[in-house]
Amino acid sequence: MKSRKVSEQFDITGKVAIVTGAASGIGRAIALDLAKFGANVVIADIALEGGRAVAGEIKSAGGKAIAIRTDVTDRKNVERTVGKTIDKFGKIDILVNDAGVMSYPTTLDITEAELDRIFDTNLKGAMFCSQAVARHMIGQKSGKIVNIGSSPSSRGSVCNLSSGGPAYCASKGAIQAFTRVLAMELAPHGINVNAVAPGTTNTPMHTGLWEAAVAYFQSSIPLGRLAEPEDIADVVLFLVTNAARYITGQTIHVNGGQIMVD
């Protein structure tokens, strides 16, 4: 049997990662996790000051990071971010599509403008970023793309409670479908594409979540608590390492077991 060190399987030292939506919440936790394990990280977020703060955290811990203001709904802006990343670090090994927004109106109440806002950010943004980054990954015949979906897209009973309305859940369901298609397209080039679908997570996006909703979620989660951003980040970290080299086209649900019982 070929001998392999555990450290080698999980080592991402020197890898270059772009994480969208990384100025706060799950994206911030992912960026910090990747940097802790050796990656050079680009904080790509429309909130530049928040992005700079996260980059500062990474640098203070001895890592390498830059923040680039990125509007994922603007294809040219995305391409500029990719170009700046190549100029700074010379390559892109990892893309995490985390940027997203929520929406609560019901199907009968949602406006066309709100629909466009949700799908432009959550779906088109992920597609624009993947398109721009994949061109570089194809040239180097390697790469890891992870899309952040959402467990509520598979659980209609909670979509309108606190985990987004129909537009949000539909956009995240589309992310799962997009992940499978992109994985098929890029597999011949040595690129793995997967999705992580978090359950309800303790992030600023859920600030103000009413007490009844928190009680409902905690009672319906077998592990007895909401997810923390680090719970999601650790799964993303696994997917971008060599240990996950034979996994592609999958959506991994990270929800404390809630999807089993809800």
Protein backbone atom coordinates (compact mmCIF):
# COMPACT_ATOMS: atom_id res chain seq x y z
CA MET A 1 0.00 0.00 0.00
CA LYS A 2 1.31 3.43 -0.95
CA SER A 3 2.25 5.45 2.13
CA ARG A 4 0.59 8.86 2.48
CA LYS A 5 0.95 11.36 5.28
CA VAL A 6 -2.27 12.75 6.71
CA SER A 7 -0.82 16.25 6.53
CA GLU A 8 -0.26 15.93 2.80
CA GLN A 9 -3.90 15.04 2.20
CA PHE A 10 -5.12 18.24 3.85
CA ASP A 11 -2.29 20.63 2.98
CA ILE A 12 -3.30 23.63 0.86
CA THR A 13 -0.15 25.65 1.47
CA GLY A 14 0.43 28.07 -1.40
CA LYS A 15 -2.95 27.48 -3.01
CA VAL A 16 -4.75 30.62 -4.15
CA ALA A 17 -8.41 30.96 -3.19
CA ILE A 18 -11.11 33.46 -4.08
CA VAL A 19 -13.97 33.55 -1.59
CA THR A 20 -16.96 35.70 -2.52
CA GLY A 21 -19.13 37.20 0.20
CA ALA A 22 -16.22 36.79 2.61
CA ALA A 23 -16.57 40.04 4.54
CA SER A 24 -18.83 38.40 7.14
CA GLY A 25 -20.69 35.28 8.19
CA ILE A 26 -19.97 31.95 6.55
CA GLY A 27 -17.74 33.50 3.89
CA ARG A 28 -15.52 35.08 6.54
CA ALA A 29 -15.20 31.76 8.38
CA ILE A 30 -14.28 30.01 5.12
CA ALA A 31 -11.64 32.61 4.27
CA LEU A 32 -10.09 32.36 7.74
CA ASP A 33 -10.10 28.55 7.61
CA LEU A 34 -8.45 28.38 4.20
CA ALA A 35 -5.79 30.87 5.29
CA LYS A 36 -5.14 28.96 8.51
CA PHE A 37 -4.31 25.89 6.44
CA GLY A 38 -1.95 27.76 4.14
CA ALA A 39 -3.94 29.26 1.28
CA ASN A 40 -3.46 32.78 -0.05
CA VAL A 41 -6.96 34.27 0.07
CA VAL A 42 -8.76 36.93 -1.94
CA ILE A 43 -11.68 38.42 -0.01
CA ALA A 44 -14.11 39.27 -2.82
CA ASP A 45 -17.04 41.20 -1.39
CA ILE A 46 -19.10 44.24 -2.28
CA ALA A 47 -18.44 45.48 1.27
CA LEU A 48 -14.81 46.55 0.82
CA GLU A 49 -14.19 47.78 4.36
CA GLY A 50 -15.49 44.52 5.80
CA GLY A 51 -13.32 42.64 3.34
CA ARG A 52 -10.26 44.60 4.38
CA ALA A 53 -10.98 43.80 8.01
CA VAL A 54 -11.02 40.05 7.25
CA ALA A 55 -7.84 40.36 5.17
CA GLY A 56 -6.30 42.15 8.15
CA GLU A 57 -7.23 39.27 10.45
CA ILE A 58 -5.50 36.83 8.12
CA LYS A 59 -2.38 38.95 7.84
CA SER A 60 -2.21 39.42 11.62
CA ALA A 61 -2.18 35.63 11.94
CA GLY A 62 0.74 35.37 9.49
CA GLY A 63 -1.23 34.57 6.35
CA LYS A 64 -1.53 36.26 2.97
CA ALA A 65 -4.74 37.95 1.85
CA ILE A 66 -6.08 40.86 -0.15
CA ALA A 67 -9.54 42.38 -0.33
CA ILE A 68 -11.08 43.33 -3.67
CA ARG A 69 -14.44 45.05 -3.94
CA THR A 70 -16.49 42.66 -6.05
CA ASP A 71 -20.07 42.92 -7.27
CA VAL A 72 -20.83 39.35 -8.37
CA THR A 73 -23.86 40.53 -10.35
CA ASP A 74 -21.56 42.47 -12.70
CA ARG A 75 -19.68 40.15 -15.08
CA LYS A 76 -17.01 42.73 -15.96
CA ASN A 77 -16.43 43.48 -12.29
CA VAL A 78 -15.98 39.76 -11.62
CA GLU A 79 -13.50 39.49 -14.48
CA ARG A 80 -11.51 42.41 -13.03
CA THR A 81 -11.33 40.63 -9.68
CA VAL A 82 -10.08 37.48 -11.35
CA GLY A 83 -7.51 39.49 -13.29
CA LYS A 84 -6.26 41.23 -10.14
CA THR A 85 -5.96 37.86 -8.41
CA ILE A 86 -3.83 36.49 -11.25
CA ASP A 87 -1.69 39.63 -11.19
CA LYS A 88 -1.12 39.32 -7.45
CA PHE A 89 -0.74 35.57 -6.97
CA GLY A 90 -0.18 34.17 -10.47
CA LYS A 91 -2.95 31.54 -10.41
CA ILE A 92 -6.31 30.49 -8.94
CA ASP A 93 -6.71 27.06 -7.36
CA ILE A 94 -9.90 27.46 -5.37
CA LEU A 95 -13.16 29.35 -5.85
CA VAL A 96 -15.84 29.46 -3.16
CA ASN A 97 -19.10 31.04 -4.31
CA ASP A 98 -20.58 32.22 -1.02
CA ALA A 99 -22.03 35.66 -1.89
CA GLY A 100 -25.77 35.60 -1.39
CA VAL A 101 -28.81 37.54 -0.24
CA MET A 102 -32.08 36.46 1.34
CA SER A 103 -35.70 37.27 0.55
CA TYR A 104 -38.86 36.65 2.58
CA PRO A 105 -41.92 37.67 0.48
CA THR A 106 -44.33 34.90 -0.44
CA THR A 107 -44.93 33.85 -4.04
CA LEU A 108 -48.04 36.04 -4.18
CA ASP A 109 -46.24 39.09 -2.79
CA ILE A 110 -42.79 39.05 -4.35
CA THR A 111 -42.01 41.72 -6.95
CA GLU A 112 -40.09 41.33 -10.16
CA ALA A 113 -37.36 43.62 -8.81
CA GLU A 114 -36.94 41.39 -5.74
CA LEU A 115 -36.83 38.26 -7.90
CA ASP A 116 -34.10 39.82 -10.02
CA ARG A 117 -32.12 40.85 -6.93
CA ILE A 118 -32.15 37.33 -5.52
CA PHE A 119 -31.35 35.46 -8.72
CA ASP A 120 -28.78 38.00 -9.93
CA THR A 121 -26.77 37.57 -6.74
CA ASN A 122 -27.36 33.97 -5.71
CA LEU A 123 -27.35 32.24 -9.09
CA LYS A 124 -25.97 34.52 -11.79
CA GLY A 125 -23.21 35.68 -9.44
CA ALA A 126 -22.05 32.11 -8.89
CA MET A 127 -22.20 31.44 -12.62
CA PHE A 128 -20.26 34.60 -13.53
CA CYS A 129 -17.52 33.81 -11.00
CA SER A 130 -17.30 30.16 -12.05
CA GLN A 131 -17.13 31.11 -15.71
CA ALA A 132 -14.30 33.58 -15.18
CA VAL A 133 -12.27 31.35 -12.85
CA ALA A 134 -12.81 28.11 -14.78
CA ARG A 135 -11.04 29.53 -17.83
CA HIS A 136 -7.84 29.76 -15.76
CA MET A 137 -8.34 26.43 -14.04
CA ILE A 138 -8.78 24.66 -17.38
CA GLY A 139 -5.37 25.97 -18.47
CA GLN A 140 -3.67 24.54 -15.39
CA LYS A 141 -5.76 21.32 -15.52
CA SER A 142 -6.73 21.51 -11.88
CA GLY A 143 -8.96 23.38 -9.49
CA LYS A 144 -11.68 23.22 -6.85
CA ILE A 145 -14.99 25.08 -6.99
CA VAL A 146 -17.40 25.01 -4.06
CA ASN A 147 -20.84 26.60 -4.29
CA ILE A 148 -22.70 27.49 -1.11
CA GLY A 149 -26.30 26.35 -1.37
CA SER A 150 -28.84 25.98 1.42
CA SER A 151 -30.55 23.05 3.11
CA PRO A 152 -33.89 24.92 3.20
CA SER A 153 -34.02 24.63 -0.60
CA SER A 154 -34.73 20.94 0.09
CA ARG A 155 -37.13 21.60 2.97
CA GLY A 156 -40.15 23.61 1.90
CA SER A 157 -41.74 23.51 5.35
CA VAL A 158 -39.19 25.96 6.76
CA CYS A 159 -38.49 28.18 3.77
CA ASN A 160 -40.88 30.88 4.94
CA LEU A 161 -40.09 30.61 8.64
CA SER A 162 -36.60 32.06 8.74
CA SER A 163 -34.64 30.54 5.90
CA GLY A 164 -35.83 32.63 3.01
CA GLY A 165 -38.95 32.66 0.89
CA PRO A 166 -39.65 30.99 -2.45
CA ALA A 167 -37.20 33.07 -4.48
CA TYR A 168 -34.32 32.38 -2.11
CA CYS A 169 -35.09 28.67 -1.89
CA ALA A 170 -35.51 28.41 -5.67
CA SER A 171 -32.19 30.18 -6.26
CA LYS A 172 -30.40 27.81 -3.90
CA GLY A 173 -32.09 24.79 -5.49
CA ALA A 174 -30.77 26.07 -8.80
CA ILE A 175 -27.28 26.21 -7.28
CA GLN A 176 -27.46 22.47 -6.65
CA ALA A 177 -28.46 21.82 -10.27
CA PHE A 178 -25.77 24.18 -11.56
CA THR A 179 -23.19 22.39 -9.42
CA ARG A 180 -23.97 19.05 -11.06
CA VAL A 181 -23.84 20.44 -14.59
CA LEU A 182 -20.62 22.39 -14.01
CA ALA A 183 -19.03 19.31 -12.44
CA MET A 184 -19.77 17.34 -15.60
CA GLU A 185 -18.41 20.08 -17.84
CA LEU A 186 -15.17 20.56 -15.91
CA ALA A 187 -14.38 16.98 -14.88
CA PRO A 188 -12.35 16.29 -18.06
CA HIS A 189 -10.08 19.19 -17.06
CA GLY A 190 -9.27 17.86 -13.59
CA ILE A 191 -11.55 20.32 -11.80
CA ASN A 192 -13.82 19.27 -8.93
CA VAL A 193 -17.10 21.11 -8.39
CA ASN A 194 -19.24 20.55 -5.31
CA ALA A 195 -21.78 22.36 -3.16
CA VAL A 196 -22.24 22.72 0.57
CA ALA A 197 -25.80 23.30 1.79
CA PRO A 198 -25.84 24.83 5.29
CA GLY A 199 -28.77 24.59 7.62
CA THR A 200 -29.79 27.64 9.62
CA THR A 201 -26.53 29.23 10.71
CA ASN A 202 -25.73 31.81 13.36
CA THR A 203 -24.66 34.68 11.09
CA PRO A 204 -25.47 38.39 10.65
CA MET A 205 -27.89 37.35 7.89
CA HIS A 206 -30.10 35.91 10.62
CA THR A 207 -29.73 38.81 13.05
CA GLY A 208 -33.15 39.55 14.53
CA LEU A 209 -34.42 36.03 13.97
CA TRP A 210 -37.50 35.96 16.16
CA GLU A 211 -37.48 33.91 19.32
CA ALA A 212 -40.10 31.42 18.15
CA ALA A 213 -38.06 30.63 15.04
CA VAL A 214 -34.90 29.98 17.07
CA ALA A 215 -36.82 27.68 19.39
CA TYR A 216 -38.33 25.83 16.42
CA PHE A 217 -35.00 25.25 14.76
CA GLN A 218 -33.21 24.18 17.91
CA SER A 219 -35.96 21.70 18.76
CA SER A 220 -35.93 20.24 15.25
CA ILE A 221 -32.16 19.77 14.96
CA PRO A 222 -30.97 16.40 16.32
CA LEU A 223 -27.64 17.89 17.41
CA GLY A 224 -29.56 20.51 19.39
CA ARG A 225 -28.15 23.81 18.12
CA LEU A 226 -27.94 26.11 15.13
CA ALA A 227 -24.82 25.81 12.98
CA GLU A 228 -21.88 28.11 13.56
CA PRO A 229 -20.05 29.49 10.48
CA GLU A 230 -17.03 27.35 11.36
CA ASP A 231 -19.15 24.19 11.03
CA ILE A 232 -19.71 25.06 7.37
CA ALA A 233 -16.17 26.28 6.76
CA ASP A 234 -14.64 22.99 7.86
CA VAL A 235 -16.62 21.05 5.25
CA VAL A 236 -15.58 23.52 2.54
CA LEU A 237 -11.98 23.10 3.65
CA PHE A 238 -12.25 19.32 3.23
CA LEU A 239 -13.68 19.67 -0.28
CA VAL A 240 -10.78 21.80 -1.51
CA THR A 241 -8.09 19.41 -0.25
CA ASN A 242 -6.59 16.38 -1.93
CA ALA A 243 -8.58 14.20 0.46
CA ALA A 244 -11.70 15.04 -1.60
CA ARG A 245 -10.05 14.48 -4.98
CA TYR A 246 -12.63 11.83 -6.03
CA ILE A 247 -15.72 13.81 -5.02
CA THR A 248 -17.47 15.94 -7.62
CA GLY A 249 -21.00 17.02 -8.46
CA GLN A 250 -22.19 16.50 -4.89
CA THR A 251 -24.17 18.62 -2.46
CA ILE A 252 -23.18 18.03 1.15
CA HIS A 253 -25.84 19.04 3.67
CA VAL A 254 -24.48 20.47 6.92
CA ASN A 255 -27.45 20.96 9.24
CA GLY A 256 -26.97 18.93 12.41
CA GLY A 257 -29.25 16.22 11.05
CA GLN A 258 -32.30 18.44 10.61
CA ILE A 259 -32.88 17.40 7.03
CA MET A 260 -33.48 13.83 8.24
CA VAL A 261 -36.39 14.71 10.47
CA ASP A 262 -37.93 17.97 9.22
